[in-house]
Amino acid sequence: MSKPLVVSIPHELGRAEARRRIDEGLVRLTSQIGAVGEIQQSWEGDLLRFSLQAIGQTVSGTIDVRDSEARLEVHLPGIFAMIAGKVKSRLRDEGQILLGGPKRS
C-alpha cells in the first residue's frame, strides 16, 4: 500500500462549525457520486472515518477536525496513487473553499 496522502486545512470556525460544513460537503459529494459509487462514513468524536467505492477501487481515510485545522488523511489505491500530487492539490483547494480558510499556493 502506498503512503497516505495528508492535507491540513486551516480554519477559524471552531470544531462544531467545521464538522457541520464537512457533513454538508459529504452530502453534496454523495449526491454527485450516487450512480457510480458509494460513500460510507462514521464519526467517532471529532474524527470522521470514510471510504468511497467507485469504478472497482476503494479510497479510504479520516478527517480529524481540530480547533483551527482539519487534517485529512487519504489512502489511495495504486491506480490513483499515480496522480497523488494532483489529488492532494484538489483536496486542499476544495477543503479551503468548504472551510473558508486562506488559500495556499
C-alpha atoms as a PDB file:
ATOM      1  CA  MET A   1       0.000   0.000   0.000  1.00  0.00           C
ATOM      2  CA  SER A   2       1.218   3.472  -0.816  1.00  0.00           C
ATOM      3  CA  LYS A   3       1.973   6.174   1.722  1.00  0.00           C
ATOM      4  CA  PRO A   4      -1.173   8.076   2.789  1.00  0.00           C
ATOM      5  CA  LEU A   5      -1.848  11.479   1.328  1.00  0.00           C
ATOM      6  CA  VAL A   6      -2.123  14.074   4.135  1.00  0.00           C
ATOM      7  CA  VAL A   7      -3.635  17.540   3.805  1.00  0.00           C
ATOM      8  CA  SER A   8      -4.043  20.057   6.648  1.00  0.00           C
ATOM      9  CA  ILE A   9      -6.699  22.687   6.056  1.00  0.00           C
ATOM     10  CA  PRO A  10      -6.633  25.708   8.390  1.00  0.00           C
ATOM     11  CA  HIS A  11      -9.910  27.246   9.542  1.00  0.00           C
ATOM     12  CA  GLU A  12     -11.247  29.769  12.045  1.00  0.00           C
ATOM     13  CA  LEU A  13     -14.638  28.113  12.544  1.00  0.00           C
ATOM     14  CA  GLY A  14     -14.282  26.084  15.706  1.00  0.00           C
ATOM     15  CA  ARG A  15     -14.835  22.330  15.739  1.00  0.00           C
ATOM     16  CA  ALA A  16     -18.648  22.308  15.662  1.00  0.00           C
ATOM     17  CA  GLU A  17     -18.975  24.570  12.605  1.00  0.00           C
ATOM     18  CA  ALA A  18     -16.144  22.801  10.783  1.00  0.00           C
ATOM     19  CA  ARG A  19     -17.887  19.442  11.385  1.00  0.00           C
ATOM     20  CA  ARG A  20     -21.191  20.867  10.146  1.00  0.00           C
ATOM     21  CA  ARG A  21     -19.592  22.126   6.933  1.00  0.00           C
ATOM     22  CA  ILE A  22     -17.778  18.828   6.384  1.00  0.00           C
ATOM     23  CA  ASP A  23     -21.083  16.974   6.800  1.00  0.00           C
ATOM     24  CA  GLU A  24     -22.733  19.294   4.258  1.00  0.00           C
ATOM     25  CA  GLY A  25     -19.857  18.744   1.837  1.00  0.00           C
ATOM     26  CA  LEU A  26     -20.195  14.966   2.173  1.00  0.00           C
ATOM     27  CA  VAL A  27     -23.934  15.186   1.448  1.00  0.00           C
ATOM     28  CA  ARG A  28     -23.167  17.077  -1.783  1.00  0.00           C
ATOM     29  CA  LEU A  29     -20.397  14.614  -2.700  1.00  0.00           C
ATOM     30  CA  THR A  30     -22.675  11.637  -2.055  1.00  0.00           C
ATOM     31  CA  SER A  31     -25.340  13.094  -4.346  1.00  0.00           C
ATOM     32  CA  GLN A  32     -22.742  13.757  -7.071  1.00  0.00           C
ATOM     33  CA  ILE A  33     -21.248  10.262  -6.888  1.00  0.00           C
ATOM     34  CA  GLY A  34     -24.609   8.486  -6.476  1.00  0.00           C
ATOM     35  CA  ALA A  35     -24.762   6.493  -9.721  1.00  0.00           C
ATOM     36  CA  VAL A  36     -21.083   5.495  -9.920  1.00  0.00           C
ATOM     37  CA  GLY A  37     -20.060   4.855  -6.337  1.00  0.00           C
ATOM     38  CA  GLU A  38     -20.898   4.636  -2.680  1.00  0.00           C
ATOM     39  CA  ILE A  39     -19.613   6.561   0.335  1.00  0.00           C
ATOM     40  CA  GLN A  40     -19.541   5.109   3.849  1.00  0.00           C
ATOM     41  CA  GLN A  41     -18.873   7.431   6.784  1.00  0.00           C
ATOM     42  CA  SER A  42     -18.968   7.428  10.568  1.00  0.00           C
ATOM     43  CA  TRP A  43     -17.991   9.973  13.209  1.00  0.00           C
ATOM     44  CA  GLU A  44     -16.024   8.967  16.318  1.00  0.00           C
ATOM     45  CA  GLY A  45     -15.980  12.168  18.330  1.00  0.00           C
ATOM     46  CA  ASP A  46     -14.307  14.716  16.040  1.00  0.00           C
ATOM     47  CA  LEU A  47     -12.779  12.042  13.786  1.00  0.00           C
ATOM     48  CA  LEU A  48     -14.619  11.112  10.600  1.00  0.00           C
ATOM     49  CA  ARG A  49     -13.785   7.743   9.045  1.00  0.00           C
ATOM     50  CA  PHE A  50     -14.829   7.341   5.430  1.00  0.00           C
ATOM     51  CA  SER A  51     -14.494   5.098   2.420  1.00  0.00           C
ATOM     52  CA  LEU A  52     -15.502   5.644  -1.169  1.00  0.00           C
ATOM     53  CA  GLN A  53     -16.000   2.803  -3.596  1.00  0.00           C
ATOM     54  CA  ALA A  54     -16.157   3.677  -7.290  1.00  0.00           C
ATOM     55  CA  ILE A  55     -15.038   2.086 -10.552  1.00  0.00           C
ATOM     56  CA  GLY A  56     -13.841  -1.005  -8.720  1.00  0.00           C
ATOM     57  CA  GLN A  57     -11.500   0.957  -6.423  1.00  0.00           C
ATOM     58  CA  THR A  58     -11.725   1.903  -2.744  1.00  0.00           C
ATOM     59  CA  VAL A  59     -10.417   5.156  -1.322  1.00  0.00           C
ATOM     60  CA  SER A  60     -10.448   5.387   2.477  1.00  0.00           C
ATOM     61  CA  GLY A  61      -9.311   7.799   5.109  1.00  0.00           C
ATOM     62  CA  THR A  62     -10.049  10.074   8.015  1.00  0.00           C
ATOM     63  CA  ILE A  63     -10.770  13.724   8.692  1.00  0.00           C
ATOM     64  CA  ASP A  64      -9.628  14.848  12.132  1.00  0.00           C
ATOM     65  CA  VAL A  65     -11.406  18.102  12.997  1.00  0.00           C
ATOM     66  CA  ARG A  66      -9.323  20.251  15.329  1.00  0.00           C
ATOM     67  CA  ASP A  67      -9.853  23.723  16.780  1.00  0.00           C
ATOM     68  CA  SER A  68      -8.011  25.562  13.998  1.00  0.00           C
ATOM     69  CA  GLU A  69      -7.500  22.953  11.277  1.00  0.00           C
ATOM     70  CA  ALA A  70      -8.919  19.833   9.716  1.00  0.00           C
ATOM     71  CA  ARG A  71      -6.396  17.089   8.965  1.00  0.00           C
ATOM     72  CA  LEU A  72      -7.363  14.870   6.063  1.00  0.00           C
ATOM     73  CA  GLU A  73      -5.554  11.553   5.585  1.00  0.00           C
ATOM     74  CA  VAL A  74      -6.427   9.559   2.466  1.00  0.00           C
ATOM     75  CA  HIS A  75      -5.287   6.105   1.386  1.00  0.00           C
ATOM     76  CA  LEU A  76      -5.341   5.887  -2.401  1.00  0.00           C
ATOM     77  CA  PRO A  77      -5.287   2.581  -4.294  1.00  0.00           C
ATOM     78  CA  GLY A  78      -2.489   2.072  -6.815  1.00  0.00           C
ATOM     79  CA  ILE A  79      -4.359   3.442  -9.801  1.00  0.00           C
ATOM     80  CA  PHE A  80      -4.998   6.756  -8.029  1.00  0.00           C
ATOM     81  CA  ALA A  81      -1.676   6.877  -6.177  1.00  0.00           C
ATOM     82  CA  MET A  82      -0.054   7.703  -9.522  1.00  0.00           C
ATOM     83  CA  ILE A  83      -1.813  11.076  -9.507  1.00  0.00           C
ATOM     84  CA  ALA A  84      -1.497  11.748  -5.760  1.00  0.00           C
ATOM     85  CA  GLY A  85       0.003  15.223  -6.284  1.00  0.00           C
ATOM     86  CA  LYS A  86      -2.982  16.408  -8.308  1.00  0.00           C
ATOM     87  CA  VAL A  87      -5.415  14.789  -5.885  1.00  0.00           C
ATOM     88  CA  LYS A  88      -3.704  16.469  -2.914  1.00  0.00           C
ATOM     89  CA  SER A  89      -3.849  19.878  -4.566  1.00  0.00           C
ATOM     90  CA  ARG A  90      -7.547  19.458  -5.408  1.00  0.00           C
ATOM     91  CA  LEU A  91      -8.391  18.260  -1.878  1.00  0.00           C
ATOM     92  CA  ARG A  92      -6.569  21.247  -0.370  1.00  0.00           C
ATOM     93  CA  ASP A  93      -8.330  23.720  -2.674  1.00  0.00           C
ATOM     94  CA  GLU A  94     -11.799  22.217  -2.141  1.00  0.00           C
ATOM     95  CA  GLY A  95     -11.225  21.941   1.613  1.00  0.00           C
ATOM     96  CA  GLN A  96     -10.235  25.587   1.855  1.00  0.00           C
ATOM     97  CA  ILE A  97     -13.359  26.594  -0.042  1.00  0.00           C
ATOM     98  CA  LEU A  98     -15.508  24.427   2.250  1.00  0.00           C
ATOM     99  CA  LEU A  99     -13.933  25.684   5.482  1.00  0.00           C
ATOM    100  CA  GLY A 100     -13.294  29.250   4.347  1.00  0.00           C
ATOM    101  CA  GLY A 101      -9.585  29.205   5.193  1.00  0.00           C
ATOM    102  CA  PRO A 102      -6.805  31.101   3.437  1.00  0.00           C
ATOM    103  CA  LYS A 103      -5.717  29.678   0.070  1.00  0.00           C
ATOM    104  CA  ARG A 104      -2.173  28.326  -0.068  1.00  0.00           C
ATOM    105  CA  SER A 105      -0.084  28.365  -3.206  1.00  0.00           C
END
